[in-house]
Amino acid sequence: MGRLVSSARVMDSSFDRDGSLVIEDLVREGRFQEALGYYFALPEGSRSAPMAQYGAASAAARLGQYAPATLLAQCAEAGFQRNGTMRDHVRMSNLLGALALEQGDLVTAEARFRDIIAKRDHLVEERLIVAHALINLASIMDMRAHSDAALRMYHEALHVYQEYADARGIAQSYHNINIVFRKLGMLEAAESVARMSIRHAEQDGDPSLLALCLTGQAETRLERGDVEGASQCLVRAQAQLNNNGDQVIQAEMGRLLAQVHFRKGRVQEGLVEAEISRSIANRSGCALVAAECAAVAAIGFVLDGKPVESEHRKEEARQRFQDLDTPWLQEHYSRAWAEACNA
C-alpha cells in the first residue's frame, strides 16, 4: 500500500465510474477518513464495485477498523473471483491475511501469505506484493519466537523494497527488524535500525507510519533505560497523530506512555493510559496490542496496590498470549510483573 502515484484527484465520472480511483488517491495521500466517507457516499451500484471496496477496506485497515475492513475486503475478493486479474487476487489475499493477523487468526493469515510466496515465480511483476507477504509472514514467525527465520524474511523483503525505492516498505522492514533485535537483547543494533526506519518513514510522508516507527524507537529506549529519550519519541509520535485516526498506533503509544509513567512513579497516570489503550485495542480488534495493554495494566495495578485487579488483567493477558502462540511475550511480561510485585 505504498505511495506510488500522483496525489491529484480524479473527479471525472466518465473516467472513474465507480469512484475507485478517487478512493485510491485519498488512501495514498493518507486521508483515510475522507476515503471512507467518499466510499459510503457513492451510489449503491458503485459501492459494490470490487476496486472501490478494496480501496475502502484499505482505508479502514489503516485506521485500525479491522472488522469493517475485513467485511469490505471479503466482498471485494468475492467480486474479483469473477473477472479479477492475478494482481487483484494476490492483493486481496495479502490484505485479508494482514487483517486476519491483526485480529489474531494466525492460521488463516499464514495460509494466505504462504500461498502468495509459493506463487512468487508467477508474480515477477508483482514483487512488491510478494514482499508484503514476506514481511507479514515474518511477523508471524517472530511472534512464535522463530527469530532467525523472521530476520531472513525481513531482509529479503527489505532488498525488494530497496530495489523499488519503496520508502514505506523500507521503513516497515527496519521497524520490524528493530523488534527482533530488541527481543534478542541487541539494543544498540535495535536503536540503529529504529533510526533508519524513522528516516525512511519521513521520506514516505505518512504520519501514521512515522508515529509507528517512533514508537519502536521509544520502546527500544525504554529497554535501554533511557526514559526521557523514550518520552521524547512519544511526544513526537503523538504530534504525528493529532489529525489522524489510527486507533491501533494510538493504543501502542498509550501502552508505552503508561510504562514511562510507571518508571517516573506516576502510577495512576500510567494506569489510566494502560486501561484506555486496552479499550482502544479491544475495540479495534487488534489481538496482540490488546494482550500487551492488558499485561501493562496488570503491572500498573500491582504498583497501585490492587492485587485482585492485577490478577484479573494478568490472566486476560496470559490467555491472549496463549491464543496467539507467543510464549516469549508471556515470559517477558511475567518477569516485569514479578519485578513490580517485589518493588
C-alpha atoms as a PDB file:
ATOM      1  CA  MET A   1       0.000   0.000   0.000  1.00  0.00           C
ATOM      2  CA  GLY A   2       2.905   2.339  -0.726  1.00  0.00           C
ATOM      3  CA  ARG A   3       2.509   5.786  -2.236  1.00  0.00           C
ATOM      4  CA  LEU A   4       3.336   5.258  -5.909  1.00  0.00           C
ATOM      5  CA  VAL A   5       1.336   7.757  -7.994  1.00  0.00           C
ATOM      6  CA  SER A   6       0.362  11.396  -8.094  1.00  0.00           C
ATOM      7  CA  SER A   7      -1.972  12.663  -5.389  1.00  0.00           C
ATOM      8  CA  ALA A   8      -4.064  14.562  -7.927  1.00  0.00           C
ATOM      9  CA  ARG A   9      -7.724  13.618  -7.576  1.00  0.00           C
ATOM     10  CA  VAL A  10      -9.724  12.101 -10.417  1.00  0.00           C
ATOM     11  CA  MET A  11     -13.211  13.610 -10.396  1.00  0.00           C
ATOM     12  CA  ASP A  12     -14.377  12.950 -13.992  1.00  0.00           C
ATOM     13  CA  SER A  13     -17.221  10.444 -13.571  1.00  0.00           C
ATOM     14  CA  SER A  14     -16.882   9.284 -17.161  1.00  0.00           C
ATOM     15  CA  PHE A  15     -13.338   8.173 -16.386  1.00  0.00           C
ATOM     16  CA  ASP A  16     -13.836   6.938 -12.823  1.00  0.00           C
ATOM     17  CA  ARG A  17     -17.256   5.319 -12.958  1.00  0.00           C
ATOM     18  CA  ASP A  18     -17.128   3.528  -9.617  1.00  0.00           C
ATOM     19  CA  GLY A  19     -15.152   6.111  -7.646  1.00  0.00           C
ATOM     20  CA  SER A  20     -12.307   3.676  -7.021  1.00  0.00           C
ATOM     21  CA  LEU A  21      -9.591   5.966  -8.391  1.00  0.00           C
ATOM     22  CA  VAL A  22     -10.619   8.792  -6.078  1.00  0.00           C
ATOM     23  CA  ILE A  23     -10.610   6.400  -3.104  1.00  0.00           C
ATOM     24  CA  GLU A  24      -7.223   5.010  -4.092  1.00  0.00           C
ATOM     25  CA  ASP A  25      -5.861   8.524  -4.409  1.00  0.00           C
ATOM     26  CA  LEU A  26      -7.151   9.548  -0.977  1.00  0.00           C
ATOM     27  CA  VAL A  27      -5.631   6.425   0.596  1.00  0.00           C
ATOM     28  CA  ARG A  28      -2.279   7.214  -0.991  1.00  0.00           C
ATOM     29  CA  GLU A  29      -2.482  10.712   0.491  1.00  0.00           C
ATOM     30  CA  GLY A  30      -3.099   9.197   3.921  1.00  0.00           C
ATOM     31  CA  ARG A  31      -6.609  10.710   4.064  1.00  0.00           C
ATOM     32  CA  PHE A  32      -8.270   7.528   5.258  1.00  0.00           C
ATOM     33  CA  GLN A  33     -11.348   9.035   6.889  1.00  0.00           C
ATOM     34  CA  GLU A  34     -12.094  11.009   3.739  1.00  0.00           C
ATOM     35  CA  ALA A  35     -11.638   7.872   1.631  1.00  0.00           C
ATOM     36  CA  LEU A  36     -14.216   6.007   3.721  1.00  0.00           C
ATOM     37  CA  GLY A  37     -16.595   8.967   3.686  1.00  0.00           C
ATOM     38  CA  TYR A  38     -16.316   9.196  -0.092  1.00  0.00           C
ATOM     39  CA  TYR A  39     -16.942   5.463  -0.478  1.00  0.00           C
ATOM     40  CA  PHE A  40     -20.086   5.435   1.668  1.00  0.00           C
ATOM     41  CA  ALA A  41     -21.430   8.485  -0.192  1.00  0.00           C
ATOM     42  CA  LEU A  42     -21.223   6.657  -3.535  1.00  0.00           C
ATOM     43  CA  PRO A  43     -24.364   5.300  -5.203  1.00  0.00           C
ATOM     44  CA  GLU A  44     -25.175   1.724  -4.225  1.00  0.00           C
ATOM     45  CA  GLY A  45     -24.001   0.288  -7.546  1.00  0.00           C
ATOM     46  CA  SER A  46     -20.605   1.959  -7.233  1.00  0.00           C
ATOM     47  CA  ARG A  47     -20.201   0.756  -3.642  1.00  0.00           C
ATOM     48  CA  SER A  48     -20.467  -2.833  -4.904  1.00  0.00           C
ATOM     49  CA  ALA A  49     -17.543  -2.408  -7.324  1.00  0.00           C
ATOM     50  CA  PRO A  50     -14.622  -4.604  -6.139  1.00  0.00           C
ATOM     51  CA  MET A  51     -11.972  -1.920  -6.640  1.00  0.00           C
ATOM     52  CA  ALA A  52     -13.971   0.611  -4.637  1.00  0.00           C
ATOM     53  CA  GLN A  53     -14.483  -1.973  -1.873  1.00  0.00           C
ATOM     54  CA  TYR A  54     -10.775  -2.782  -1.891  1.00  0.00           C
ATOM     55  CA  GLY A  55      -9.873   0.896  -1.523  1.00  0.00           C
ATOM     56  CA  ALA A  56     -12.352   1.375   1.305  1.00  0.00           C
ATOM     57  CA  ALA A  57     -11.086  -1.793   3.016  1.00  0.00           C
ATOM     58  CA  SER A  58      -7.515  -0.481   2.792  1.00  0.00           C
ATOM     59  CA  ALA A  59      -8.576   2.840   4.337  1.00  0.00           C
ATOM     60  CA  ALA A  60     -10.451   1.128   7.166  1.00  0.00           C
ATOM     61  CA  ALA A  61      -7.469  -1.164   7.822  1.00  0.00           C
ATOM     62  CA  ARG A  62      -5.104   1.804   8.052  1.00  0.00           C
ATOM     63  CA  LEU A  63      -7.434   3.351  10.642  1.00  0.00           C
ATOM     64  CA  GLY A  64      -7.363   0.186  12.739  1.00  0.00           C
ATOM     65  CA  GLN A  65     -11.007  -0.588  11.980  1.00  0.00           C
ATOM     66  CA  TYR A  66     -10.342  -4.242  11.317  1.00  0.00           C
ATOM     67  CA  ALA A  67     -13.848  -5.756  11.442  1.00  0.00           C
ATOM     68  CA  PRO A  68     -15.408  -3.440   8.819  1.00  0.00           C
ATOM     69  CA  ALA A  69     -12.211  -3.621   6.765  1.00  0.00           C
ATOM     70  CA  THR A  70     -12.490  -7.420   6.711  1.00  0.00           C
ATOM     71  CA  LEU A  71     -16.121  -7.321   5.563  1.00  0.00           C
ATOM     72  CA  LEU A  72     -15.283  -4.891   2.753  1.00  0.00           C
ATOM     73  CA  ALA A  73     -12.240  -6.934   1.711  1.00  0.00           C
ATOM     74  CA  GLN A  74     -14.245 -10.171   1.654  1.00  0.00           C
ATOM     75  CA  CYS A  75     -16.858  -8.543  -0.593  1.00  0.00           C
ATOM     76  CA  ALA A  76     -14.114  -7.257  -2.887  1.00  0.00           C
ATOM     77  CA  GLU A  77     -12.479 -10.680  -3.052  1.00  0.00           C
ATOM     78  CA  ALA A  78     -15.797 -12.280  -3.999  1.00  0.00           C
ATOM     79  CA  GLY A  79     -16.225  -9.708  -6.754  1.00  0.00           C
ATOM     80  CA  PHE A  80     -12.733 -10.288  -8.094  1.00  0.00           C
ATOM     81  CA  GLN A  81     -13.401 -14.035  -8.276  1.00  0.00           C
ATOM     82  CA  ARG A  82     -15.498 -13.395 -11.381  1.00  0.00           C
ATOM     83  CA  ASN A  83     -13.144 -11.322 -13.509  1.00  0.00           C
ATOM     84  CA  GLY A  84     -10.204 -10.074 -11.433  1.00  0.00           C
ATOM     85  CA  THR A  85      -6.577 -10.208 -12.520  1.00  0.00           C
ATOM     86  CA  MET A  86      -3.804 -12.130 -10.784  1.00  0.00           C
ATOM     87  CA  ARG A  87      -2.713  -8.823  -9.226  1.00  0.00           C
ATOM     88  CA  ASP A  88      -6.221  -8.258  -7.861  1.00  0.00           C
ATOM     89  CA  HIS A  89      -6.309 -11.729  -6.316  1.00  0.00           C
ATOM     90  CA  VAL A  90      -2.927 -11.539  -4.593  1.00  0.00           C
ATOM     91  CA  ARG A  91      -3.530  -8.007  -3.316  1.00  0.00           C
ATOM     92  CA  MET A  92      -6.808  -9.115  -1.784  1.00  0.00           C
ATOM     93  CA  SER A  93      -5.257 -12.228  -0.300  1.00  0.00           C
ATOM     94  CA  ASN A  94      -2.440 -10.221   1.297  1.00  0.00           C
ATOM     95  CA  LEU A  95      -4.875  -7.648   2.703  1.00  0.00           C
ATOM     96  CA  LEU A  96      -7.168 -10.316   4.142  1.00  0.00           C
ATOM     97  CA  GLY A  97      -4.146 -12.146   5.534  1.00  0.00           C
ATOM     98  CA  ALA A  98      -2.907  -8.961   7.208  1.00  0.00           C
ATOM     99  CA  LEU A  99      -6.352  -8.346   8.697  1.00  0.00           C
ATOM    100  CA  ALA A 100      -6.501 -11.923   9.985  1.00  0.00           C
ATOM    101  CA  LEU A 101      -3.038 -11.468  11.529  1.00  0.00           C
ATOM    102  CA  GLU A 102      -4.038  -8.289  13.340  1.00  0.00           C
ATOM    103  CA  GLN A 103      -7.164  -9.958  14.705  1.00  0.00           C
ATOM    104  CA  GLY A 104      -5.260 -12.991  15.978  1.00  0.00           C
ATOM    105  CA  ASP A 105      -6.251 -15.580  13.350  1.00  0.00           C
ATOM    106  CA  LEU A 106      -2.699 -16.700  12.636  1.00  0.00           C
ATOM    107  CA  VAL A 107      -3.692 -19.933  10.869  1.00  0.00           C
ATOM    108  CA  THR A 108      -5.682 -18.116   8.181  1.00  0.00           C
ATOM    109  CA  ALA A 109      -3.069 -15.389   7.893  1.00  0.00           C
ATOM    110  CA  GLU A 110      -0.159 -17.804   7.479  1.00  0.00           C
ATOM    111  CA  ALA A 111      -2.001 -19.856   4.844  1.00  0.00           C
ATOM    112  CA  ARG A 112      -2.664 -16.749   2.741  1.00  0.00           C
ATOM    113  CA  PHE A 113       0.916 -15.448   2.967  1.00  0.00           C
ATOM    114  CA  ARG A 114       2.476 -18.826   2.178  1.00  0.00           C
ATOM    115  CA  ASP A 115       0.173 -19.226  -0.827  1.00  0.00           C
ATOM    116  CA  ILE A 116       1.334 -15.888  -2.239  1.00  0.00           C
ATOM    117  CA  ILE A 117       5.000 -16.707  -1.640  1.00  0.00           C
ATOM    118  CA  ALA A 118       4.574 -20.149  -3.246  1.00  0.00           C
ATOM    119  CA  LYS A 119       3.384 -18.382  -6.428  1.00  0.00           C
ATOM    120  CA  ARG A 120       6.287 -15.948  -6.490  1.00  0.00           C
ATOM    121  CA  ASP A 121       7.724 -17.371  -9.750  1.00  0.00           C
ATOM    122  CA  HIS A 122       4.445 -16.428 -11.446  1.00  0.00           C
ATOM    123  CA  LEU A 123       4.363 -12.989  -9.840  1.00  0.00           C
ATOM    124  CA  VAL A 124       7.502 -11.459 -11.314  1.00  0.00           C
ATOM    125  CA  GLU A 125       5.663  -8.185 -11.992  1.00  0.00           C
ATOM    126  CA  GLU A 126       4.143  -8.215  -8.513  1.00  0.00           C
ATOM    127  CA  ARG A 127       7.321  -8.498  -6.466  1.00  0.00           C
ATOM    128  CA  LEU A 128       6.194  -5.767  -4.076  1.00  0.00           C
ATOM    129  CA  ILE A 129       3.114  -7.789  -3.155  1.00  0.00           C
ATOM    130  CA  VAL A 130       5.332 -10.827  -2.539  1.00  0.00           C
ATOM    131  CA  ALA A 131       7.498  -8.593  -0.314  1.00  0.00           C
ATOM    132  CA  HIS A 132       4.373  -7.559   1.623  1.00  0.00           C
ATOM    133  CA  ALA A 133       3.510 -11.247   2.130  1.00  0.00           C
ATOM    134  CA  LEU A 134       7.084 -11.980   3.260  1.00  0.00           C
ATOM    135  CA  ILE A 135       7.079  -9.224   5.840  1.00  0.00           C
ATOM    136  CA  ASN A 136       3.697 -10.350   7.167  1.00  0.00           C
ATOM    137  CA  LEU A 137       4.751 -13.991   7.382  1.00  0.00           C
ATOM    138  CA  ALA A 138       7.956 -12.910   9.118  1.00  0.00           C
ATOM    139  CA  SER A 139       5.843 -11.193  11.760  1.00  0.00           C
ATOM    140  CA  ILE A 140       4.121 -14.498  12.486  1.00  0.00           C
ATOM    141  CA  MET A 141       7.463 -16.263  12.715  1.00  0.00           C
ATOM    142  CA  ASP A 142       8.689 -13.612  15.140  1.00  0.00           C
ATOM    143  CA  MET A 143       5.576 -13.942  17.307  1.00  0.00           C
ATOM    144  CA  ARG A 144       6.370 -17.662  17.558  1.00  0.00           C
ATOM    145  CA  ALA A 145       9.971 -16.841  18.579  1.00  0.00           C
ATOM    146  CA  HIS A 146      11.494 -18.068  15.288  1.00  0.00           C
ATOM    147  CA  SER A 147      13.805 -15.058  15.180  1.00  0.00           C
ATOM    148  CA  ASP A 148      16.274 -16.359  12.582  1.00  0.00           C
ATOM    149  CA  ALA A 149      13.515 -17.192  10.093  1.00  0.00           C
ATOM    150  CA  ALA A 150      11.846 -13.836  10.726  1.00  0.00           C
ATOM    151  CA  LEU A 151      15.074 -11.903  10.128  1.00  0.00           C
ATOM    152  CA  ARG A 152      15.742 -13.761   6.865  1.00  0.00           C
ATOM    153  CA  MET A 153      12.274 -12.870   5.573  1.00  0.00           C
ATOM    154  CA  TYR A 154      12.501  -9.256   6.720  1.00  0.00           C
ATOM    155  CA  HIS A 155      15.832  -8.835   4.950  1.00  0.00           C
ATOM    156  CA  GLU A 156      14.531 -10.500   1.780  1.00  0.00           C
ATOM    157  CA  ALA A 157      11.556  -8.124   1.748  1.00  0.00           C
ATOM    158  CA  LEU A 158      13.857  -5.175   2.521  1.00  0.00           C
ATOM    159  CA  HIS A 159      16.001  -5.903  -0.543  1.00  0.00           C
ATOM    160  CA  VAL A 160      12.909  -5.816  -2.768  1.00  0.00           C
ATOM    161  CA  TYR A 161      11.732  -2.537  -1.252  1.00  0.00           C
ATOM    162  CA  GLN A 162      15.185  -1.040  -1.705  1.00  0.00           C
ATOM    163  CA  GLU A 163      15.237  -2.146  -5.346  1.00  0.00           C
ATOM    164  CA  TYR A 164      11.957  -0.326  -5.935  1.00  0.00           C
ATOM    165  CA  ALA A 165      12.926   2.642  -3.718  1.00  0.00           C
ATOM    166  CA  ASP A 166       9.739   1.986  -1.718  1.00  0.00           C
ATOM    167  CA  ALA A 167      10.284   4.174   1.346  1.00  0.00           C
ATOM    168  CA  ARG A 168       7.213   2.829   3.142  1.00  0.00           C
ATOM    169  CA  GLY A 169       8.283  -0.793   2.755  1.00  0.00           C
ATOM    170  CA  ILE A 170      11.850   0.028   3.794  1.00  0.00           C
ATOM    171  CA  ALA A 171      10.604   1.818   6.919  1.00  0.00           C
ATOM    172  CA  GLN A 172       8.307  -1.077   7.842  1.00  0.00           C
ATOM    173  CA  SER A 173      11.111  -3.596   7.344  1.00  0.00           C
ATOM    174  CA  TYR A 174      13.543  -1.708   9.570  1.00  0.00           C
ATOM    175  CA  HIS A 175      10.805  -1.207  12.196  1.00  0.00           C
ATOM    176  CA  ASN A 176      10.159  -4.940  12.338  1.00  0.00           C
ATOM    177  CA  ILE A 177      13.864  -5.782  12.401  1.00  0.00           C
ATOM    178  CA  ASN A 178      14.112  -3.399  15.359  1.00  0.00           C
ATOM    179  CA  ILE A 179      11.532  -5.533  17.212  1.00  0.00           C
ATOM    180  CA  VAL A 180      13.528  -8.738  16.620  1.00  0.00           C
ATOM    181  CA  PHE A 181      16.815  -7.136  17.666  1.00  0.00           C
ATOM    182  CA  ARG A 182      15.149  -5.864  20.838  1.00  0.00           C
ATOM    183  CA  LYS A 183      13.860  -9.322  21.659  1.00  0.00           C
ATOM    184  CA  LEU A 184      17.369 -10.742  21.174  1.00  0.00           C
ATOM    185  CA  GLY A 185      18.838  -8.127  23.511  1.00  0.00           C
ATOM    186  CA  MET A 186      20.740  -6.411  20.665  1.00  0.00           C
ATOM    187  CA  LEU A 187      19.780  -2.946  21.845  1.00  0.00           C
ATOM    188  CA  GLU A 188      22.489  -0.926  20.072  1.00  0.00           C
ATOM    189  CA  ALA A 189      21.588  -2.577  16.762  1.00  0.00           C
ATOM    190  CA  ALA A 190      17.896  -2.044  17.534  1.00  0.00           C
ATOM    191  CA  GLU A 191      18.471   1.681  18.081  1.00  0.00           C
ATOM    192  CA  SER A 192      20.377   1.888  14.792  1.00  0.00           C
ATOM    193  CA  VAL A 193      17.633   0.282  12.696  1.00  0.00           C
ATOM    194  CA  ALA A 194      14.992   2.328  14.556  1.00  0.00           C
ATOM    195  CA  ARG A 195      16.711   5.480  13.323  1.00  0.00           C
ATOM    196  CA  MET A 196      16.734   4.089   9.779  1.00  0.00           C
ATOM    197  CA  SER A 197      13.040   3.247   9.979  1.00  0.00           C
ATOM    198  CA  ILE A 198      12.281   6.808  11.074  1.00  0.00           C
ATOM    199  CA  ARG A 199      14.378   8.313   8.293  1.00  0.00           C
ATOM    200  CA  HIS A 200      12.549   6.359   5.604  1.00  0.00           C
ATOM    201  CA  ALA A 201       9.155   6.994   7.206  1.00  0.00           C
ATOM    202  CA  GLU A 202       9.930  10.709   6.979  1.00  0.00           C
ATOM    203  CA  GLN A 203      10.691  10.248   3.276  1.00  0.00           C
ATOM    204  CA  ASP A 204       7.393   8.430   2.761  1.00  0.00           C
ATOM    205  CA  GLY A 205       5.451  11.219   4.453  1.00  0.00           C
ATOM    206  CA  ASP A 206       2.702   9.132   6.103  1.00  0.00           C
ATOM    207  CA  PRO A 207       2.169  10.474   9.674  1.00  0.00           C
ATOM    208  CA  SER A 208       0.845   7.095  10.887  1.00  0.00           C
ATOM    209  CA  LEU A 209       3.920   5.274   9.612  1.00  0.00           C
ATOM    210  CA  LEU A 210       6.252   7.820  11.221  1.00  0.00           C
ATOM    211  CA  ALA A 211       4.341   7.539  14.509  1.00  0.00           C
ATOM    212  CA  LEU A 212       4.681   3.752  14.379  1.00  0.00           C
ATOM    213  CA  CYS A 213       8.424   3.913  13.799  1.00  0.00           C
ATOM    214  CA  LEU A 214       8.811   6.439  16.612  1.00  0.00           C
ATOM    215  CA  THR A 215       7.030   4.054  18.985  1.00  0.00           C
ATOM    216  CA  GLY A 216       9.591   1.420  18.001  1.00  0.00           C
ATOM    217  CA  GLN A 217      12.391   3.773  18.946  1.00  0.00           C
ATOM    218  CA  ALA A 218      10.589   4.695  22.184  1.00  0.00           C
ATOM    219  CA  GLU A 219      10.313   1.049  23.220  1.00  0.00           C
ATOM    220  CA  THR A 220      13.970   0.471  22.374  1.00  0.00           C
ATOM    221  CA  ARG A 221      14.978   3.395  24.573  1.00  0.00           C
ATOM    222  CA  LEU A 222      12.794   2.126  27.409  1.00  0.00           C
ATOM    223  CA  GLU A 223      14.592  -1.219  27.187  1.00  0.00           C
ATOM    224  CA  ARG A 224      17.898   0.663  27.405  1.00  0.00           C
ATOM    225  CA  GLY A 225      16.718   2.553  30.498  1.00  0.00           C
ATOM    226  CA  ASP A 226      16.526   5.890  28.661  1.00  0.00           C
ATOM    227  CA  VAL A 227      13.130   7.003  29.994  1.00  0.00           C
ATOM    228  CA  GLU A 228      13.499  10.640  28.917  1.00  0.00           C
ATOM    229  CA  GLY A 229      14.559   9.592  25.428  1.00  0.00           C
ATOM    230  CA  ALA A 230      11.520   7.314  25.183  1.00  0.00           C
ATOM    231  CA  SER A 231       9.279  10.129  26.375  1.00  0.00           C
ATOM    232  CA  GLN A 232      10.631  12.470  23.705  1.00  0.00           C
ATOM    233  CA  CYS A 233       9.919   9.891  20.993  1.00  0.00           C
ATOM    234  CA  LEU A 234       6.338   9.503  22.207  1.00  0.00           C
ATOM    235  CA  VAL A 235       5.747  13.267  22.259  1.00  0.00           C
ATOM    236  CA  ARG A 236       6.853  13.427  18.652  1.00  0.00           C
ATOM    237  CA  ALA A 237       4.742  10.371  17.741  1.00  0.00           C
ATOM    238  CA  GLN A 238       1.643  11.902  19.337  1.00  0.00           C
ATOM    239  CA  ALA A 239       2.141  15.076  17.317  1.00  0.00           C
ATOM    240  CA  GLN A 240       2.021  12.998  14.127  1.00  0.00           C
ATOM    241  CA  LEU A 241      -1.408  11.608  15.029  1.00  0.00           C
ATOM    242  CA  ASN A 242      -3.114  14.847  16.053  1.00  0.00           C
ATOM    243  CA  ASN A 243      -5.217  14.746  12.887  1.00  0.00           C
ATOM    244  CA  ASN A 244      -5.110  11.026  12.231  1.00  0.00           C
ATOM    245  CA  GLY A 245      -7.448   8.325  13.475  1.00  0.00           C
ATOM    246  CA  ASP A 246      -5.136   5.304  13.518  1.00  0.00           C
ATOM    247  CA  GLN A 247      -6.540   3.624  16.604  1.00  0.00           C
ATOM    248  CA  VAL A 248      -4.005   0.809  16.900  1.00  0.00           C
ATOM    249  CA  ILE A 249      -0.993   3.124  16.873  1.00  0.00           C
ATOM    250  CA  GLN A 250      -2.744   5.289  19.458  1.00  0.00           C
ATOM    251  CA  ALA A 251      -3.107   2.202  21.653  1.00  0.00           C
ATOM    252  CA  GLU A 252       0.560   1.323  21.140  1.00  0.00           C
ATOM    253  CA  MET A 253       1.623   4.827  22.153  1.00  0.00           C
ATOM    254  CA  GLY A 254      -0.612   4.656  25.223  1.00  0.00           C
ATOM    255  CA  ARG A 255       0.903   1.327  26.246  1.00  0.00           C
ATOM    256  CA  LEU A 256       4.384   2.800  26.103  1.00  0.00           C
ATOM    257  CA  LEU A 257       3.381   6.075  27.744  1.00  0.00           C
ATOM    258  CA  ALA A 258       1.929   4.040  30.617  1.00  0.00           C
ATOM    259  CA  GLN A 259       5.316   2.387  31.110  1.00  0.00           C
ATOM    260  CA  VAL A 260       7.036   5.782  31.033  1.00  0.00           C
ATOM    261  CA  HIS A 261       4.671   6.990  33.770  1.00  0.00           C
ATOM    262  CA  PHE A 262       5.406   3.871  35.851  1.00  0.00           C
ATOM    263  CA  ARG A 263       9.157   4.472  35.554  1.00  0.00           C
ATOM    264  CA  LYS A 264       8.634   8.054  36.749  1.00  0.00           C
ATOM    265  CA  GLY A 265       6.493   6.985  39.698  1.00  0.00           C
ATOM    266  CA  ARG A 266       3.242   8.304  38.210  1.00  0.00           C
ATOM    267  CA  VAL A 267       1.322   5.067  38.708  1.00  0.00           C
ATOM    268  CA  GLN A 268      -2.206   6.470  38.487  1.00  0.00           C
ATOM    269  CA  GLU A 269      -1.483   8.292  35.232  1.00  0.00           C
ATOM    270  CA  GLY A 270       0.092   5.152  33.830  1.00  0.00           C
ATOM    271  CA  LEU A 271      -2.901   3.023  34.783  1.00  0.00           C
ATOM    272  CA  VAL A 272      -5.278   5.403  33.026  1.00  0.00           C
ATOM    273  CA  GLU A 273      -3.164   5.241  29.867  1.00  0.00           C
ATOM    274  CA  ALA A 274      -2.926   1.438  30.007  1.00  0.00           C
ATOM    275  CA  GLU A 275      -6.663   0.951  30.502  1.00  0.00           C
ATOM    276  CA  ILE A 276      -7.638   3.429  27.785  1.00  0.00           C
ATOM    277  CA  SER A 277      -5.196   1.791  25.384  1.00  0.00           C
ATOM    278  CA  ARG A 278      -6.523  -1.650  26.244  1.00  0.00           C
ATOM    279  CA  SER A 279     -10.050  -0.436  25.484  1.00  0.00           C
ATOM    280  CA  ILE A 280      -8.973   1.066  22.145  1.00  0.00           C
ATOM    281  CA  ALA A 281      -7.155  -2.120  21.129  1.00  0.00           C
ATOM    282  CA  ASN A 282     -10.128  -4.285  22.065  1.00  0.00           C
ATOM    283  CA  ARG A 283     -12.494  -2.049  20.121  1.00  0.00           C
ATOM    284  CA  SER A 284     -10.208  -2.233  17.077  1.00  0.00           C
ATOM    285  CA  GLY A 285      -9.871  -6.000  17.379  1.00  0.00           C
ATOM    286  CA  CYS A 286      -6.065  -5.890  17.445  1.00  0.00           C
ATOM    287  CA  ALA A 287      -5.275  -9.044  19.405  1.00  0.00           C
ATOM    288  CA  LEU A 288      -1.560  -8.551  20.093  1.00  0.00           C
ATOM    289  CA  VAL A 289      -1.802  -4.910  21.175  1.00  0.00           C
ATOM    290  CA  ALA A 290      -4.791  -5.722  23.396  1.00  0.00           C
ATOM    291  CA  ALA A 291      -2.787  -8.504  25.051  1.00  0.00           C
ATOM    292  CA  GLU A 292       0.199  -6.242  25.723  1.00  0.00           C
ATOM    293  CA  CYS A 293      -2.006  -3.445  27.049  1.00  0.00           C
ATOM    294  CA  ALA A 294      -3.654  -5.892  29.475  1.00  0.00           C
ATOM    295  CA  ALA A 295      -0.204  -7.048  30.617  1.00  0.00           C
ATOM    296  CA  VAL A 296       0.922  -3.456  31.225  1.00  0.00           C
ATOM    297  CA  ALA A 297      -2.291  -2.732  33.133  1.00  0.00           C
ATOM    298  CA  ALA A 298      -1.594  -5.788  35.322  1.00  0.00           C
ATOM    299  CA  ILE A 299       1.781  -4.291  36.235  1.00  0.00           C
ATOM    300  CA  GLY A 300       0.136  -0.947  36.984  1.00  0.00           C
ATOM    301  CA  PHE A 301      -2.435  -2.475  39.303  1.00  0.00           C
ATOM    302  CA  VAL A 302       0.366  -4.219  41.231  1.00  0.00           C
ATOM    303  CA  LEU A 303       2.196  -0.916  41.635  1.00  0.00           C
ATOM    304  CA  ASP A 304      -1.071   0.690  42.733  1.00  0.00           C
ATOM    305  CA  GLY A 305      -1.609  -1.932  45.447  1.00  0.00           C
ATOM    306  CA  LYS A 306      -4.605  -3.619  43.796  1.00  0.00           C
ATOM    307  CA  PRO A 307      -3.705  -7.332  43.583  1.00  0.00           C
ATOM    308  CA  VAL A 308      -7.173  -8.579  42.629  1.00  0.00           C
ATOM    309  CA  GLU A 309      -7.436  -6.265  39.622  1.00  0.00           C
ATOM    310  CA  SER A 310      -3.843  -7.107  38.719  1.00  0.00           C
ATOM    311  CA  GLU A 311      -4.520 -10.845  38.701  1.00  0.00           C
ATOM    312  CA  HIS A 312      -7.568 -10.297  36.517  1.00  0.00           C
ATOM    313  CA  ARG A 313      -5.591  -8.363  33.892  1.00  0.00           C
ATOM    314  CA  LYS A 314      -2.675 -10.790  34.143  1.00  0.00           C
ATOM    315  CA  GLU A 315      -4.979 -13.731  33.367  1.00  0.00           C
ATOM    316  CA  GLU A 316      -6.517 -11.822  30.473  1.00  0.00           C
ATOM    317  CA  ALA A 317      -3.077 -11.189  29.013  1.00  0.00           C
ATOM    318  CA  ARG A 318      -1.964 -14.786  29.624  1.00  0.00           C
ATOM    319  CA  GLN A 319      -4.967 -16.173  27.739  1.00  0.00           C
ATOM    320  CA  ARG A 320      -4.440 -13.801  24.844  1.00  0.00           C
ATOM    321  CA  PHE A 321      -0.741 -14.606  24.585  1.00  0.00           C
ATOM    322  CA  GLN A 322      -1.612 -18.297  24.660  1.00  0.00           C
ATOM    323  CA  ASP A 323      -4.168 -17.871  21.870  1.00  0.00           C
ATOM    324  CA  LEU A 324      -1.548 -16.020  19.812  1.00  0.00           C
ATOM    325  CA  ASP A 325       1.120 -18.670  20.495  1.00  0.00           C
ATOM    326  CA  THR A 326       3.561 -16.073  21.848  1.00  0.00           C
ATOM    327  CA  PRO A 327       5.104 -17.681  24.962  1.00  0.00           C
ATOM    328  CA  TRP A 328       8.131 -15.371  24.863  1.00  0.00           C
ATOM    329  CA  LEU A 329       5.896 -12.317  25.344  1.00  0.00           C
ATOM    330  CA  GLN A 330       4.125 -14.047  28.207  1.00  0.00           C
ATOM    331  CA  GLU A 331       7.504 -14.686  29.830  1.00  0.00           C
ATOM    332  CA  HIS A 332       8.648 -11.110  29.188  1.00  0.00           C
ATOM    333  CA  TYR A 333       5.662  -9.561  30.912  1.00  0.00           C
ATOM    334  CA  SER A 334       5.614 -12.173  33.690  1.00  0.00           C
ATOM    335  CA  ARG A 335       9.137 -11.100  34.630  1.00  0.00           C
ATOM    336  CA  ALA A 336       8.096  -7.438  34.614  1.00  0.00           C
ATOM    337  CA  TRP A 337       5.039  -8.285  36.744  1.00  0.00           C
ATOM    338  CA  ALA A 338       7.178 -10.205  39.246  1.00  0.00           C
ATOM    339  CA  GLU A 339       9.611  -7.283  39.491  1.00  0.00           C
ATOM    340  CA  ALA A 340       6.684  -4.951  40.198  1.00  0.00           C
ATOM    341  CA  CYS A 341       5.473  -7.300  42.951  1.00  0.00           C
ATOM    342  CA  ASN A 342       8.898  -7.158  44.590  1.00  0.00           C
ATOM    343  CA  ALA A 343       9.336  -3.419  44.191  1.00  0.00           C
END
